[in-house]
Amino acid sequence: MLGIGLDNSDGHRRITRGERFSVVGGSEETHDKMTETLIKTFEELKHRGKDLNDTDPRELAEILHKTTPR
């Protein structure tokens, strides 16, 4: 999975890589939220015994919504 943040105004280049995801760009807050969301999403998939490639897009959208920090 790939997260791309477009709200960076401080000129800092942010890149975070996980085993199955990368997060690029964004403000510090946005970048941190995207990273947290993707980490929790993969934890939830593991908890459900699912792989990203075998997950229905609607189920993945539900998981992403559930794991996105408010």
N, C-alpha and C. Protein backbone atom coordinates (compact mmCIF):
# COMPACT_ATOMS: atom_id res chain seq x y z
N MET A 1 0.85 -1.16 0.00
CA MET A 1 0.00 0.00 0.00
C MET A 1 0.90 1.23 0.00
N LEU A 2 0.35 2.31 -0.52
CA LEU A 2 1.10 3.55 -0.61
C LEU A 2 0.25 4.70 -0.09
N GLY A 3 0.81 5.46 0.85
CA GLY A 3 0.16 6.67 1.35
C GLY A 3 0.95 7.87 0.88
N ILE A 4 0.26 8.83 0.29
CA ILE A 4 0.92 10.03 -0.21
C ILE A 4 0.26 11.25 0.42
N GLY A 5 1.06 12.04 1.15
CA GLY A 5 0.56 13.27 1.76
C GLY A 5 0.93 14.46 0.91
N LEU A 6 -0.01 15.35 0.73
CA LEU A 6 0.21 16.50 -0.14
C LEU A 6 0.15 17.83 0.60
N ASP A 7 0.08 17.80 1.93
CA ASP A 7 -0.11 19.05 2.68
C ASP A 7 1.16 19.53 3.37
N ASN A 8 2.32 19.20 2.84
CA ASN A 8 3.58 19.60 3.45
C ASN A 8 3.92 21.03 3.06
N SER A 9 4.18 21.86 4.07
CA SER A 9 4.59 23.24 3.78
C SER A 9 5.92 23.59 4.46
N ASP A 10 6.53 22.63 5.17
CA ASP A 10 7.77 22.95 5.88
C ASP A 10 9.03 22.51 5.12
N GLY A 11 8.86 21.91 3.94
CA GLY A 11 10.00 21.51 3.13
C GLY A 11 10.69 20.23 3.57
N HIS A 12 10.22 19.63 4.66
CA HIS A 12 10.83 18.40 5.15
C HIS A 12 10.36 17.21 4.30
N ARG A 13 11.28 16.33 3.94
CA ARG A 13 10.93 15.13 3.16
C ARG A 13 10.72 13.97 4.11
N ARG A 14 9.50 13.48 4.14
CA ARG A 14 9.16 12.38 5.03
C ARG A 14 8.92 11.11 4.22
N ILE A 15 9.58 10.05 4.61
CA ILE A 15 9.40 8.74 3.98
C ILE A 15 9.44 7.69 5.08
N THR A 16 8.41 6.88 5.14
CA THR A 16 8.36 5.77 6.09
C THR A 16 8.03 4.51 5.30
N ARG A 17 8.80 3.46 5.55
CA ARG A 17 8.57 2.19 4.86
C ARG A 17 8.29 1.10 5.87
N GLY A 18 7.29 0.31 5.55
CA GLY A 18 6.99 -0.89 6.31
C GLY A 18 7.20 -2.09 5.40
N GLU A 19 6.90 -3.25 5.92
CA GLU A 19 7.08 -4.46 5.12
C GLU A 19 6.21 -4.45 3.88
N ARG A 20 4.97 -3.95 4.01
CA ARG A 20 4.04 -3.99 2.88
C ARG A 20 3.47 -2.62 2.54
N PHE A 21 4.10 -1.54 3.04
CA PHE A 21 3.59 -0.21 2.74
C PHE A 21 4.71 0.82 2.75
N SER A 22 4.41 1.95 2.11
CA SER A 22 5.27 3.13 2.16
C SER A 22 4.38 4.35 2.33
N VAL A 23 4.87 5.30 3.11
CA VAL A 23 4.19 6.58 3.29
C VAL A 23 5.19 7.66 2.88
N VAL A 24 4.74 8.54 2.00
CA VAL A 24 5.62 9.58 1.46
C VAL A 24 4.94 10.93 1.59
N GLY A 25 5.70 11.91 2.07
CA GLY A 25 5.22 13.28 2.10
C GLY A 25 4.25 13.58 3.22
N GLY A 26 3.63 14.72 3.08
CA GLY A 26 2.66 15.19 4.06
C GLY A 26 3.31 15.98 5.18
N SER A 27 2.47 16.71 5.89
CA SER A 27 2.92 17.40 7.09
C SER A 27 3.27 16.32 8.12
N GLU A 28 3.92 16.72 9.19
CA GLU A 28 4.28 15.74 10.23
C GLU A 28 3.03 15.03 10.75
N GLU A 29 1.97 15.79 11.01
CA GLU A 29 0.72 15.22 11.52
C GLU A 29 0.10 14.24 10.52
N THR A 30 -0.01 14.65 9.28
CA THR A 30 -0.59 13.79 8.26
C THR A 30 0.23 12.53 8.06
N HIS A 31 1.54 12.68 7.98
CA HIS A 31 2.43 11.54 7.78
C HIS A 31 2.29 10.54 8.93
N ASP A 32 2.27 11.05 10.17
CA ASP A 32 2.12 10.18 11.33
C ASP A 32 0.78 9.44 11.32
N LYS A 33 -0.30 10.14 10.96
CA LYS A 33 -1.62 9.52 10.92
C LYS A 33 -1.68 8.43 9.84
N MET A 34 -1.11 8.71 8.67
CA MET A 34 -1.12 7.70 7.60
C MET A 34 -0.31 6.48 8.02
N THR A 35 0.84 6.70 8.64
CA THR A 35 1.68 5.59 9.08
C THR A 35 0.95 4.76 10.12
N GLU A 36 0.34 5.41 11.11
CA GLU A 36 -0.41 4.70 12.15
C GLU A 36 -1.56 3.91 11.54
N THR A 37 -2.27 4.52 10.61
CA THR A 37 -3.39 3.84 9.95
C THR A 37 -2.93 2.57 9.25
N LEU A 38 -1.85 2.65 8.50
CA LEU A 38 -1.40 1.48 7.75
C LEU A 38 -0.86 0.39 8.68
N ILE A 39 -0.16 0.77 9.73
CA ILE A 39 0.32 -0.23 10.69
C ILE A 39 -0.87 -0.95 11.31
N LYS A 40 -1.86 -0.20 11.77
CA LYS A 40 -3.04 -0.80 12.39
C LYS A 40 -3.85 -1.62 11.40
N THR A 41 -3.88 -1.18 10.14
CA THR A 41 -4.60 -1.93 9.10
C THR A 41 -3.99 -3.31 8.92
N PHE A 42 -2.67 -3.37 8.82
CA PHE A 42 -2.02 -4.67 8.65
C PHE A 42 -2.14 -5.53 9.90
N GLU A 43 -2.16 -4.92 11.09
CA GLU A 43 -2.41 -5.67 12.31
C GLU A 43 -3.81 -6.27 12.30
N GLU A 44 -4.79 -5.49 11.85
CA GLU A 44 -6.17 -5.97 11.78
C GLU A 44 -6.31 -7.10 10.75
N LEU A 45 -5.66 -6.94 9.61
CA LEU A 45 -5.69 -8.02 8.61
C LEU A 45 -5.11 -9.30 9.19
N LYS A 46 -3.99 -9.19 9.91
CA LYS A 46 -3.37 -10.36 10.52
C LYS A 46 -4.31 -10.98 11.55
N HIS A 47 -4.96 -10.13 12.35
CA HIS A 47 -5.91 -10.60 13.35
C HIS A 47 -7.06 -11.38 12.70
N ARG A 48 -7.49 -10.92 11.52
CA ARG A 48 -8.57 -11.59 10.79
C ARG A 48 -8.08 -12.78 9.98
N GLY A 49 -6.76 -13.01 9.97
CA GLY A 49 -6.21 -14.13 9.21
C GLY A 49 -6.26 -13.90 7.71
N LYS A 50 -6.16 -12.64 7.31
CA LYS A 50 -6.28 -12.29 5.89
C LYS A 50 -4.98 -11.69 5.38
N ASP A 51 -4.79 -11.80 4.07
CA ASP A 51 -3.69 -11.15 3.38
C ASP A 51 -4.27 -10.00 2.56
N LEU A 52 -3.49 -8.96 2.38
CA LEU A 52 -3.96 -7.81 1.61
C LEU A 52 -4.49 -8.22 0.25
N ASN A 53 -3.79 -9.10 -0.44
CA ASN A 53 -4.18 -9.51 -1.79
C ASN A 53 -5.49 -10.30 -1.82
N ASP A 54 -5.88 -10.87 -0.69
CA ASP A 54 -7.09 -11.69 -0.64
C ASP A 54 -8.27 -10.97 0.02
N THR A 55 -8.12 -9.69 0.29
CA THR A 55 -9.15 -8.94 1.00
C THR A 55 -10.00 -8.17 0.01
N ASP A 56 -11.31 -8.32 0.16
CA ASP A 56 -12.26 -7.60 -0.68
C ASP A 56 -12.07 -6.09 -0.47
N PRO A 57 -12.11 -5.31 -1.54
CA PRO A 57 -11.91 -3.85 -1.40
C PRO A 57 -12.87 -3.19 -0.41
N ARG A 58 -14.10 -3.67 -0.33
CA ARG A 58 -15.06 -3.08 0.62
C ARG A 58 -14.64 -3.38 2.06
N GLU A 59 -14.14 -4.60 2.30
CA GLU A 59 -13.67 -4.95 3.63
C GLU A 59 -12.43 -4.13 3.98
N LEU A 60 -11.54 -3.96 3.02
CA LEU A 60 -10.33 -3.16 3.25
C LEU A 60 -10.72 -1.71 3.56
N ALA A 61 -11.68 -1.16 2.85
CA ALA A 61 -12.14 0.21 3.11
C ALA A 61 -12.71 0.32 4.53
N GLU A 62 -13.43 -0.69 4.97
CA GLU A 62 -13.99 -0.71 6.33
C GLU A 62 -12.87 -0.74 7.36
N ILE A 63 -11.85 -1.56 7.11
CA ILE A 63 -10.73 -1.65 8.04
C ILE A 63 -9.97 -0.32 8.09
N LEU A 64 -9.71 0.27 6.93
CA LEU A 64 -9.02 1.56 6.88
C LEU A 64 -9.80 2.63 7.63
N HIS A 65 -11.12 2.64 7.46
CA HIS A 65 -11.95 3.61 8.17
C HIS A 65 -11.84 3.38 9.68
N LYS A 66 -11.89 2.12 10.09
CA LYS A 66 -11.83 1.75 11.51
C LYS A 66 -10.47 2.12 12.13
N THR A 67 -9.40 1.98 11.37
CA THR A 67 -8.06 2.16 11.94
C THR A 67 -7.49 3.57 11.77
N THR A 68 -8.22 4.45 11.09
CA THR A 68 -7.75 5.82 10.92
C THR A 68 -7.96 6.61 12.20
N PRO A 69 -6.88 7.20 12.76
CA PRO A 69 -7.04 8.00 13.99
C PRO A 69 -7.89 9.23 13.73
N ARG A 70 -8.63 9.60 14.69
CA ARG A 70 -9.53 10.78 14.58
C ARG A 70 -8.82 12.01 15.03
